[in-house]
């Protein structure tokens, strides 16, 4: 692992425009890493409650089958 002091020394030796590139690239890497973590979430439940208007019309099993029909699966 790279020592942060060593990294700071290396960056200070660069001209300002390259220091900015290093900063931009580091921010890009952080964002890319955060996006990968978001994609690994298998149990995304932002849909929860989305079919509540049908709870008195269908049983849970029927609703599950209907939701697959509506999605086209």
N, C-alpha and C. Protein backbone atom coordinates (compact mmCIF):
# COMPACT_ATOMS: atom_id res chain seq x y z
N UNK A 1 0.84 -1.19 0.00
CA UNK A 1 0.00 0.00 0.00
C UNK A 1 0.89 1.24 0.00
N UNK A 2 0.45 2.24 -0.75
CA UNK A 2 1.22 3.47 -0.90
C UNK A 2 1.02 4.37 0.32
N UNK A 3 2.07 4.84 0.87
CA UNK A 3 2.04 5.75 2.02
C UNK A 3 1.49 7.10 1.55
N UNK A 4 0.56 7.67 2.34
CA UNK A 4 -0.05 8.94 1.93
C UNK A 4 0.97 10.08 1.88
N UNK A 5 1.99 10.05 2.75
CA UNK A 5 3.04 11.08 2.69
C UNK A 5 3.83 10.98 1.39
N UNK A 6 4.12 9.74 0.99
CA UNK A 6 4.85 9.52 -0.26
C UNK A 6 4.02 10.02 -1.44
N UNK A 7 2.74 9.73 -1.41
CA UNK A 7 1.85 10.18 -2.47
C UNK A 7 1.79 11.71 -2.52
N UNK A 8 1.72 12.32 -1.37
CA UNK A 8 1.69 13.79 -1.31
C UNK A 8 2.97 14.38 -1.90
N UNK A 9 4.11 13.80 -1.59
CA UNK A 9 5.39 14.28 -2.12
C UNK A 9 5.42 14.17 -3.64
N UNK A 10 4.94 13.04 -4.14
CA UNK A 10 4.92 12.83 -5.59
C UNK A 10 4.01 13.86 -6.26
N UNK A 11 2.82 14.06 -5.70
CA UNK A 11 1.86 15.00 -6.30
C UNK A 11 2.40 16.42 -6.28
N UNK A 12 3.08 16.81 -5.21
CA UNK A 12 3.62 18.18 -5.11
C UNK A 12 4.69 18.45 -6.16
N UNK A 13 5.31 17.39 -6.68
CA UNK A 13 6.34 17.56 -7.71
C UNK A 13 5.73 17.81 -9.09
N UNK A 14 4.45 17.56 -9.22
CA UNK A 14 3.78 17.76 -10.51
C UNK A 14 3.39 19.22 -10.70
N UNK A 15 3.29 19.66 -11.95
CA UNK A 15 2.77 21.00 -12.20
C UNK A 15 1.28 21.06 -11.84
N UNK A 16 0.77 22.25 -11.56
CA UNK A 16 -0.62 22.41 -11.10
C UNK A 16 -1.67 21.72 -11.98
N UNK A 17 -1.50 21.79 -13.30
CA UNK A 17 -2.50 21.17 -14.17
C UNK A 17 -2.51 19.65 -14.03
N UNK A 18 -1.35 19.05 -13.78
CA UNK A 18 -1.30 17.60 -13.56
C UNK A 18 -1.80 17.24 -12.16
N UNK A 19 -1.57 18.12 -11.20
CA UNK A 19 -2.14 17.88 -9.86
C UNK A 19 -3.66 17.83 -9.95
N UNK A 20 -4.23 18.72 -10.76
CA UNK A 20 -5.69 18.73 -10.96
C UNK A 20 -6.15 17.43 -11.62
N UNK A 21 -5.37 16.92 -12.57
CA UNK A 21 -5.72 15.64 -13.21
C UNK A 21 -5.70 14.50 -12.21
N UNK A 22 -4.70 14.51 -11.32
CA UNK A 22 -4.62 13.48 -10.29
C UNK A 22 -5.84 13.55 -9.37
N UNK A 23 -6.22 14.76 -9.00
CA UNK A 23 -7.41 14.94 -8.15
C UNK A 23 -8.67 14.43 -8.87
N UNK A 24 -8.83 14.82 -10.14
CA UNK A 24 -10.00 14.38 -10.92
C UNK A 24 -10.04 12.86 -11.04
N UNK A 25 -8.88 12.26 -11.29
CA UNK A 25 -8.82 10.81 -11.44
C UNK A 25 -9.15 10.11 -10.13
N UNK A 26 -8.64 10.63 -9.02
CA UNK A 26 -8.94 10.03 -7.71
C UNK A 26 -10.43 10.11 -7.41
N UNK A 27 -11.05 11.24 -7.72
CA UNK A 27 -12.50 11.37 -7.53
C UNK A 27 -13.28 10.42 -8.43
N UNK A 28 -12.80 10.25 -9.66
CA UNK A 28 -13.41 9.30 -10.58
C UNK A 28 -13.35 7.89 -10.02
N UNK A 29 -12.20 7.50 -9.48
CA UNK A 29 -12.05 6.16 -8.90
C UNK A 29 -12.98 5.95 -7.72
N UNK A 30 -13.13 6.96 -6.89
CA UNK A 30 -14.04 6.86 -5.75
C UNK A 30 -15.49 6.69 -6.21
N UNK A 31 -15.86 7.46 -7.21
CA UNK A 31 -17.23 7.36 -7.73
C UNK A 31 -17.48 6.00 -8.37
N UNK A 32 -16.51 5.53 -9.12
CA UNK A 32 -16.62 4.22 -9.78
C UNK A 32 -16.78 3.11 -8.73
N UNK A 33 -16.03 3.21 -7.68
CA UNK A 33 -16.09 2.22 -6.59
C UNK A 33 -17.46 2.26 -5.91
N UNK A 34 -17.96 3.46 -5.67
CA UNK A 34 -19.28 3.62 -5.03
C UNK A 34 -20.38 3.04 -5.92
N UNK A 35 -20.27 3.25 -7.23
CA UNK A 35 -21.27 2.72 -8.16
C UNK A 35 -21.25 1.20 -8.19
N UNK A 36 -20.07 0.59 -8.10
CA UNK A 36 -19.97 -0.87 -8.07
C UNK A 36 -20.66 -1.42 -6.83
N UNK A 37 -20.49 -0.74 -5.71
CA UNK A 37 -21.13 -1.18 -4.48
C UNK A 37 -22.64 -1.10 -4.58
N UNK A 38 -23.14 -0.06 -5.24
CA UNK A 38 -24.58 0.09 -5.41
C UNK A 38 -25.15 -1.04 -6.27
N UNK A 39 -24.43 -1.41 -7.31
CA UNK A 39 -24.89 -2.46 -8.21
C UNK A 39 -24.93 -3.82 -7.54
N UNK A 40 -24.13 -4.04 -6.51
CA UNK A 40 -24.08 -5.33 -5.83
C UNK A 40 -25.27 -5.54 -4.91
N UNK A 41 -26.08 -4.53 -4.72
CA UNK A 41 -27.24 -4.66 -3.86
C UNK A 41 -28.30 -5.49 -4.55
N UNK A 42 -28.45 -6.75 -4.13
CA UNK A 42 -29.38 -7.66 -4.78
C UNK A 42 -30.81 -7.41 -4.34
N UNK A 43 -31.01 -6.96 -3.14
CA UNK A 43 -32.35 -6.85 -2.58
C UNK A 43 -32.82 -5.40 -2.55
N UNK A 44 -32.77 -4.77 -3.69
CA UNK A 44 -33.26 -3.40 -3.80
C UNK A 44 -34.78 -3.43 -3.63
N UNK A 45 -35.28 -2.71 -2.64
CA UNK A 45 -36.72 -2.75 -2.37
C UNK A 45 -37.37 -1.39 -2.54
N UNK A 46 -36.91 -0.63 -3.51
CA UNK A 46 -37.52 0.67 -3.75
C UNK A 46 -38.92 0.54 -4.33
N UNK A 47 -39.30 -0.66 -4.73
CA UNK A 47 -40.64 -0.93 -5.26
C UNK A 47 -41.65 -1.23 -4.16
N UNK A 48 -41.19 -1.43 -2.93
CA UNK A 48 -42.06 -1.85 -1.82
C UNK A 48 -43.28 -0.95 -1.72
N UNK A 49 -44.44 -1.57 -1.65
CA UNK A 49 -45.69 -0.84 -1.54
C UNK A 49 -46.25 -0.39 -2.88
N UNK A 50 -45.54 -0.70 -3.96
CA UNK A 50 -45.96 -0.25 -5.28
C UNK A 50 -47.24 -0.89 -5.79
N UNK A 51 -47.63 -2.02 -5.22
CA UNK A 51 -48.84 -2.70 -5.67
C UNK A 51 -49.91 -2.74 -4.58
N UNK A 52 -49.83 -1.85 -3.62
CA UNK A 52 -50.74 -1.92 -2.47
C UNK A 52 -52.21 -1.72 -2.85
N UNK A 53 -52.47 -1.04 -3.97
CA UNK A 53 -53.87 -0.86 -4.36
C UNK A 53 -54.53 -2.16 -4.78
N UNK A 54 -53.72 -3.19 -5.02
CA UNK A 54 -54.25 -4.48 -5.44
C UNK A 54 -54.34 -5.51 -4.30
N UNK A 55 -53.95 -5.12 -3.11
CA UNK A 55 -53.88 -6.11 -2.02
C UNK A 55 -55.24 -6.70 -1.65
N UNK A 56 -56.32 -5.97 -1.89
CA UNK A 56 -57.65 -6.49 -1.59
C UNK A 56 -58.30 -7.17 -2.80
N UNK A 57 -57.62 -7.11 -3.95
CA UNK A 57 -58.15 -7.68 -5.17
C UNK A 57 -57.57 -9.07 -5.42
N UNK A 58 -56.29 -9.25 -5.10
CA UNK A 58 -55.59 -10.51 -5.38
C UNK A 58 -54.98 -11.07 -4.09
N UNK A 59 -54.78 -12.40 -4.07
CA UNK A 59 -53.99 -12.99 -2.98
C UNK A 59 -52.52 -12.67 -3.28
N UNK A 60 -51.66 -12.91 -2.32
CA UNK A 60 -50.25 -12.59 -2.54
C UNK A 60 -49.66 -13.41 -3.68
N UNK A 61 -50.07 -14.67 -3.81
CA UNK A 61 -49.58 -15.50 -4.91
C UNK A 61 -50.10 -15.00 -6.25
N UNK A 62 -51.37 -14.65 -6.31
CA UNK A 62 -51.93 -14.11 -7.55
C UNK A 62 -51.25 -12.79 -7.92
N UNK A 63 -51.02 -11.98 -6.92
CA UNK A 63 -50.36 -10.70 -7.15
C UNK A 63 -48.93 -10.90 -7.67
N UNK A 64 -48.25 -11.89 -7.13
CA UNK A 64 -46.90 -12.19 -7.61
C UNK A 64 -46.94 -12.59 -9.09
N UNK A 65 -47.88 -13.44 -9.46
CA UNK A 65 -48.02 -13.87 -10.85
C UNK A 65 -48.41 -12.69 -11.75
N UNK A 66 -49.34 -11.87 -11.28
CA UNK A 66 -49.76 -10.69 -12.05
C UNK A 66 -48.59 -9.73 -12.29
N UNK A 67 -47.81 -9.50 -11.23
CA UNK A 67 -46.70 -8.56 -11.37
C UNK A 67 -45.70 -9.05 -12.43
N UNK A 68 -45.50 -10.37 -12.52
CA UNK A 68 -44.63 -10.91 -13.56
C UNK A 68 -45.25 -10.70 -14.93
N UNK A 69 -46.55 -10.85 -15.04
CA UNK A 69 -47.26 -10.59 -16.30
C UNK A 69 -47.08 -9.14 -16.71
N UNK A 70 -47.32 -8.23 -15.77
CA UNK A 70 -47.25 -6.80 -16.05
C UNK A 70 -45.85 -6.37 -16.45
N UNK A 71 -44.84 -7.03 -15.87
CA UNK A 71 -43.46 -6.70 -16.21
C UNK A 71 -43.04 -7.32 -17.53
N UNK A 72 -43.79 -8.32 -17.99
CA UNK A 72 -43.46 -8.97 -19.24
C UNK A 72 -42.52 -10.15 -19.08
N UNK A 73 -42.37 -10.65 -17.85
CA UNK A 73 -41.50 -11.81 -17.59
C UNK A 73 -42.22 -13.12 -17.84
